[in-house]
N, C-alpha and C. Protein backbone atom coordinates (compact mmCIF):
# COMPACT_ATOMS: atom_id res chain seq x y z
N MET A 1 0.91 -1.17 -0.06
CA MET A 1 0.11 0.06 -0.21
C MET A 1 0.79 1.34 -0.35
N ALA A 2 0.64 2.03 -1.08
CA ALA A 2 1.26 3.57 -0.66
C ALA A 2 0.09 4.40 -0.44
N THR A 3 0.54 5.66 0.10
CA THR A 3 -0.25 6.73 0.84
C THR A 3 0.30 7.86 -0.38
N GLU A 4 -0.43 8.43 -1.33
CA GLU A 4 -0.49 10.02 -1.75
C GLU A 4 -0.82 10.82 -0.92
N ILE A 5 0.43 11.85 -0.69
CA ILE A 5 -0.10 12.72 0.26
C ILE A 5 0.13 14.00 -0.33
N ALA A 6 -0.79 15.08 -0.92
CA ALA A 6 -0.70 16.05 -1.84
C ALA A 6 -0.95 17.16 -1.32
N ARG A 7 0.05 18.49 -0.69
CA ARG A 7 -0.17 19.85 -0.55
C ARG A 7 -0.65 20.27 -1.55
N ILE A 8 -2.29 20.70 -1.37
CA ILE A 8 -2.81 21.96 -2.81
C ILE A 8 -3.34 23.18 -1.74
N ASP A 9 -2.56 24.20 -2.28
CA ASP A 9 -2.51 26.07 -2.07
C ASP A 9 -3.77 26.48 -3.05
N VAL A 10 -4.64 26.81 -2.44
CA VAL A 10 -5.90 27.22 -3.48
C VAL A 10 -5.81 29.00 -3.67
N ALA A 11 -6.11 29.18 -4.98
CA ALA A 11 -5.92 30.62 -4.76
C ALA A 11 -6.94 31.27 -3.78
N PRO A 12 -6.43 32.52 -3.42
CA PRO A 12 -7.58 33.51 -2.02
C PRO A 12 -8.62 33.45 -3.64
N GLY A 13 -9.62 33.41 -2.34
CA GLY A 13 -11.44 33.15 -2.63
C GLY A 13 -11.91 32.08 -3.39
N ASP A 14 -10.89 30.99 -3.88
CA ASP A 14 -11.60 30.07 -4.42
C ASP A 14 -11.61 28.80 -3.69
N ALA A 15 -11.81 28.73 -2.90
CA ALA A 15 -11.43 27.25 -1.61
C ALA A 15 -12.91 26.94 -1.76
N GLU A 16 -13.93 27.13 -1.82
CA GLU A 16 -15.02 27.07 -1.92
C GLU A 16 -15.55 25.96 -3.49
N ALA A 17 -15.06 26.74 -4.51
CA ALA A 17 -14.90 26.58 -5.84
C ALA A 17 -14.25 25.30 -5.81
N PHE A 18 -13.08 25.44 -5.56
CA PHE A 18 -12.30 24.17 -5.13
C PHE A 18 -12.97 23.22 -4.72
N VAL A 19 -13.20 22.75 -3.50
CA VAL A 19 -13.91 21.78 -2.98
C VAL A 19 -14.77 20.81 -3.52
N ALA A 20 -16.21 21.99 -4.54
CA ALA A 20 -17.16 21.53 -5.16
C ALA A 20 -16.49 20.43 -6.44
N ALA A 21 -15.55 21.50 -6.72
CA ALA A 21 -14.59 20.67 -8.23
C ALA A 21 -14.03 19.37 -7.42
N ALA A 22 -13.77 19.58 -6.62
CA ALA A 22 -13.06 18.24 -6.08
C ALA A 22 -13.86 16.95 -5.42
N GLY A 23 -15.30 17.26 -5.43
CA GLY A 23 -16.42 16.59 -5.01
C GLY A 23 -16.69 15.84 -6.31
N GLN A 24 -16.71 16.91 -7.32
CA GLN A 24 -17.04 16.13 -9.26
C GLN A 24 -16.28 15.29 -9.20
N ALA A 25 -15.02 14.99 -8.60
CA ALA A 25 -13.73 14.01 -9.48
C ALA A 25 -13.83 13.12 -8.27
N VAL A 26 -14.56 12.54 -7.28
CA VAL A 26 -14.32 11.77 -6.57
C VAL A 26 -14.84 10.21 -7.55
N ALA A 27 -15.49 10.19 -8.49
CA ALA A 27 -16.06 9.20 -8.70
C ALA A 27 -14.78 8.80 -10.23
N LEU A 28 -13.67 9.64 -10.18
CA LEU A 28 -12.46 9.32 -10.96
C LEU A 28 -11.52 8.82 -10.29
N PHE A 29 -11.57 8.65 -8.86
CA PHE A 29 -10.39 8.30 -8.62
C PHE A 29 -11.09 6.66 -7.76
N GLN A 30 -12.53 6.41 -7.53
CA GLN A 30 -13.32 5.11 -6.90
C GLN A 30 -13.00 4.31 -8.72
N GLY A 31 -13.20 4.90 -9.63
CA GLY A 31 -12.74 4.17 -10.85
C GLY A 31 -11.54 3.85 -11.34
N ALA A 32 -10.44 4.45 -10.82
CA ALA A 32 -9.21 3.79 -11.11
C ALA A 32 -8.77 2.99 -10.11
N PRO A 33 -8.13 2.25 -11.24
CA PRO A 33 -7.27 0.71 -10.51
C PRO A 33 -6.20 1.00 -9.55
N GLY A 34 -6.96 0.26 -8.88
CA GLY A 34 -5.44 0.27 -7.45
C GLY A 34 -5.70 1.71 -6.36
N CYS A 35 -7.09 2.24 -6.42
CA CYS A 35 -6.98 2.94 -5.46
C CYS A 35 -8.12 2.87 -4.93
N SER A 36 -7.76 2.67 -3.39
CA SER A 36 -8.82 1.98 -2.52
C SER A 36 -9.46 3.43 -1.75
N ALA A 37 -8.99 4.40 -1.80
CA ALA A 37 -9.60 5.05 -0.88
C ALA A 37 -9.26 6.69 -1.15
N MET A 38 -9.82 7.82 -1.11
CA MET A 38 -9.54 9.40 -1.47
C MET A 38 -10.09 10.22 -0.09
N ARG A 39 -9.55 10.89 0.12
CA ARG A 39 -10.18 12.37 1.26
C ARG A 39 -9.62 13.32 0.59
N LEU A 40 -10.18 14.80 0.97
CA LEU A 40 -10.09 15.69 0.75
C LEU A 40 -9.63 16.49 2.34
N GLN A 41 -8.97 16.88 3.09
CA GLN A 41 -8.87 17.44 4.24
C GLN A 41 -8.32 19.11 3.79
N ARG A 42 -9.38 19.91 4.67
CA ARG A 42 -8.74 21.23 4.83
C ARG A 42 -7.81 21.75 6.22
N SER A 43 -6.97 22.55 5.95
CA SER A 43 -5.83 22.92 6.72
C SER A 43 -6.38 23.52 7.74
N HIS A 44 -6.27 23.76 8.85
CA HIS A 44 -6.72 24.46 10.16
C HIS A 44 -5.86 25.80 10.41
N GLU A 45 -4.74 25.68 10.03
CA GLU A 45 -4.00 26.51 10.21
C GLU A 45 -3.65 27.69 8.98
N VAL A 46 -3.52 26.97 7.64
CA VAL A 46 -3.88 28.15 6.61
C VAL A 46 -4.63 27.90 5.69
N GLU A 47 -5.20 29.12 5.93
CA GLU A 47 -6.19 29.73 4.70
C GLU A 47 -5.92 28.73 3.13
N GLY A 48 -6.90 28.32 2.83
CA GLY A 48 -6.52 28.21 1.42
C GLY A 48 -5.95 26.87 0.80
N ARG A 49 -5.29 25.60 2.26
CA ARG A 49 -4.28 24.79 1.87
C ARG A 49 -5.12 24.21 2.21
N PHE A 50 -4.88 22.78 1.73
CA PHE A 50 -6.16 21.74 1.67
C PHE A 50 -4.56 20.29 1.42
N TRP A 51 -5.48 19.19 1.77
CA TRP A 51 -4.54 18.24 1.65
C TRP A 51 -5.07 17.16 1.00
N LEU A 52 -5.17 16.22 -0.36
CA LEU A 52 -5.47 15.44 -0.95
C LEU A 52 -4.60 13.99 -0.41
N ILE A 53 -5.22 13.23 0.37
CA ILE A 53 -4.85 11.80 0.48
C ILE A 53 -5.52 10.60 0.04
N VAL A 54 -4.82 9.86 -0.58
CA VAL A 54 -5.08 8.84 -1.60
C VAL A 54 -4.42 7.22 -1.37
N GLU A 55 -5.00 6.54 -1.32
CA GLU A 55 -4.94 5.27 -0.82
C GLU A 55 -4.11 4.68 -2.25
N TRP A 56 -3.43 3.96 -2.29
CA TRP A 56 -3.25 3.37 -3.38
C TRP A 56 -2.72 2.11 -3.46
N GLN A 57 -2.82 1.18 -4.05
CA GLN A 57 -1.72 -0.38 -4.03
C GLN A 57 -0.74 -0.47 -3.81
N ASP A 58 -0.08 0.31 -4.64
CA ASP A 58 1.24 0.83 -5.21
C ASP A 58 1.52 2.30 -5.53
N VAL A 59 2.78 2.28 -5.69
CA VAL A 59 3.21 3.68 -6.19
C VAL A 59 3.27 3.53 -8.01
N ALA A 60 3.15 2.22 -8.15
CA ALA A 60 2.77 2.10 -9.47
C ALA A 60 1.46 2.22 -9.93
N ALA A 61 0.38 1.66 -9.05
CA ALA A 61 -0.82 2.56 -9.84
C ALA A 61 -1.08 3.68 -9.31
N HIS A 62 -0.51 4.80 -8.41
CA HIS A 62 -0.64 6.22 -8.87
C HIS A 62 0.28 6.29 -9.88
N GLU A 63 1.17 6.71 -10.26
CA GLU A 63 1.62 6.27 -11.40
C GLU A 63 0.91 6.32 -12.89
N ALA A 64 -0.12 4.89 -12.94
CA ALA A 64 -0.95 4.66 -14.02
C ALA A 64 -2.00 5.71 -14.02
N PHE A 65 -2.42 6.00 -12.80
CA PHE A 65 -3.73 6.92 -12.74
C PHE A 65 -3.15 8.20 -13.46
N ARG A 66 -2.07 8.45 -12.89
CA ARG A 66 -1.45 10.25 -13.47
C ARG A 66 -1.18 9.89 -15.01
N ALA A 67 -0.91 9.16 -15.43
CA ALA A 67 -1.25 8.80 -16.91
C ALA A 67 -2.16 8.79 -17.94
N SER A 68 -3.27 8.52 -17.37
CA SER A 68 -4.97 7.96 -17.82
C SER A 68 -5.18 9.22 -18.02
N SER A 69 -6.59 9.30 -18.84
CA SER A 69 -7.74 10.22 -18.74
C SER A 69 -8.36 10.84 -17.70
N ALA A 70 -8.48 10.03 -16.80
CA ALA A 70 -9.00 10.30 -15.35
C ALA A 70 -8.58 11.33 -14.90
N PHE A 71 -6.75 11.77 -15.05
CA PHE A 71 -6.36 12.52 -14.37
C PHE A 71 -6.40 13.66 -14.97
N ALA A 72 -6.39 13.44 -16.44
CA ALA A 72 -6.59 15.02 -16.69
C ALA A 72 -7.37 15.40 -16.67
N GLN A 73 -8.86 14.46 -16.13
CA GLN A 73 -9.90 15.06 -16.35
C GLN A 73 -9.96 15.96 -14.66
N TRP A 74 -9.11 14.97 -13.62
CA TRP A 74 -9.21 15.61 -12.47
C TRP A 74 -8.68 16.98 -12.41
N ARG A 75 -7.43 17.13 -13.03
CA ARG A 75 -6.68 17.95 -13.34
C ARG A 75 -7.60 19.34 -13.92
N GLY A 76 -8.61 19.00 -15.11
CA GLY A 76 -9.41 20.00 -15.81
C GLY A 76 -10.30 20.73 -14.55
N LEU A 77 -10.87 19.87 -13.61
CA LEU A 77 -11.81 20.19 -12.72
C LEU A 77 -10.92 21.07 -11.61
N VAL A 78 -10.12 20.40 -10.89
CA VAL A 78 -9.28 21.46 -10.20
C VAL A 78 -8.28 22.37 -10.55
N GLY A 79 -7.48 22.10 -11.58
CA GLY A 79 -6.01 22.69 -11.88
C GLY A 79 -6.66 24.20 -12.00
N PRO A 80 -7.50 24.57 -12.19
CA PRO A 80 -8.00 26.47 -12.39
C PRO A 80 -7.48 26.97 -10.94
N TYR A 81 -7.75 26.04 -9.83
CA TYR A 81 -8.09 26.93 -8.89
C TYR A 81 -6.54 26.55 -7.64
N PHE A 82 -5.57 26.27 -8.71
CA PHE A 82 -4.11 25.83 -7.52
C PHE A 82 -3.81 27.62 -8.10
N ALA A 83 -2.89 27.89 -6.93
CA ALA A 83 -2.07 29.33 -6.14
C ALA A 83 -0.74 29.12 -6.76
N ALA A 84 -0.69 27.24 -7.13
CA ALA A 84 0.82 26.85 -7.22
C ALA A 84 0.72 25.07 -7.66
N PRO A 85 1.66 24.71 -8.12
CA PRO A 85 1.40 23.35 -8.28
C PRO A 85 1.63 22.59 -7.08
N PRO A 86 0.62 21.51 -6.75
CA PRO A 86 0.69 20.86 -5.45
C PRO A 86 2.09 19.98 -5.44
N ALA A 87 2.53 19.57 -4.15
CA ALA A 87 3.28 19.39 -3.25
C ALA A 87 3.16 17.68 -3.29
N VAL A 88 3.65 16.59 -3.95
CA VAL A 88 3.04 15.44 -3.91
C VAL A 88 4.35 14.51 -3.01
N GLU A 89 3.91 13.88 -2.14
CA GLU A 89 4.80 12.72 -1.65
C GLU A 89 3.99 11.45 -1.89
N HIS A 90 4.60 10.00 -1.64
CA HIS A 90 4.26 8.70 -1.27
C HIS A 90 4.92 8.70 0.34
N GLY A 91 3.82 7.89 1.16
CA GLY A 91 3.87 7.24 2.17
C GLY A 91 3.57 5.77 2.42
N LEU A 92 4.71 5.41 2.79
CA LEU A 92 4.89 3.26 2.74
C LEU A 92 4.55 3.12 3.89
N PRO A 93 4.06 1.98 4.17
CA PRO A 93 3.79 2.12 5.74
C PRO A 93 5.31 1.11 6.20
N THR A 94 5.22 1.31 7.91
CA THR A 94 6.53 1.28 8.70
C THR A 94 6.06 0.32 9.69
N GLY A 95 4.61 -0.23 9.46
CA GLY A 95 3.95 -1.22 10.84
C GLY A 95 4.32 -0.45 11.79
N VAL A 96 4.40 0.77 12.32
CA VAL A 96 4.40 1.48 13.80
C VAL A 96 2.89 1.93 13.85
N GLY A 97 2.40 1.87 14.78
CA GLY A 97 1.15 2.53 15.12
C GLY A 97 0.28 1.49 15.36
N PHE A 98 -1.29 1.80 15.77
CA PHE A 98 -2.22 1.18 16.13
C PHE A 98 -3.25 1.69 15.38
């Protein structure tokens, strides 16, 4: 399992439109091979900052999604609201936690 963690900063005044666009894109992630969960969280500390957290079977599944037409649709929906390109990292399980 690999967790995609993307920090997305949205242009001032566009937060609600971004959330609505991301909501329209949920089905794109649901239909992506190897995707088991997706959620969007809003930062409490930084206005206009969001965290996209997506659970993938592995990094290869995320890379395949990025090469798909579904990813182009995702970016078409939410991209106009980005203040800057998202910062994306992958988290891999360590076995520590409960």
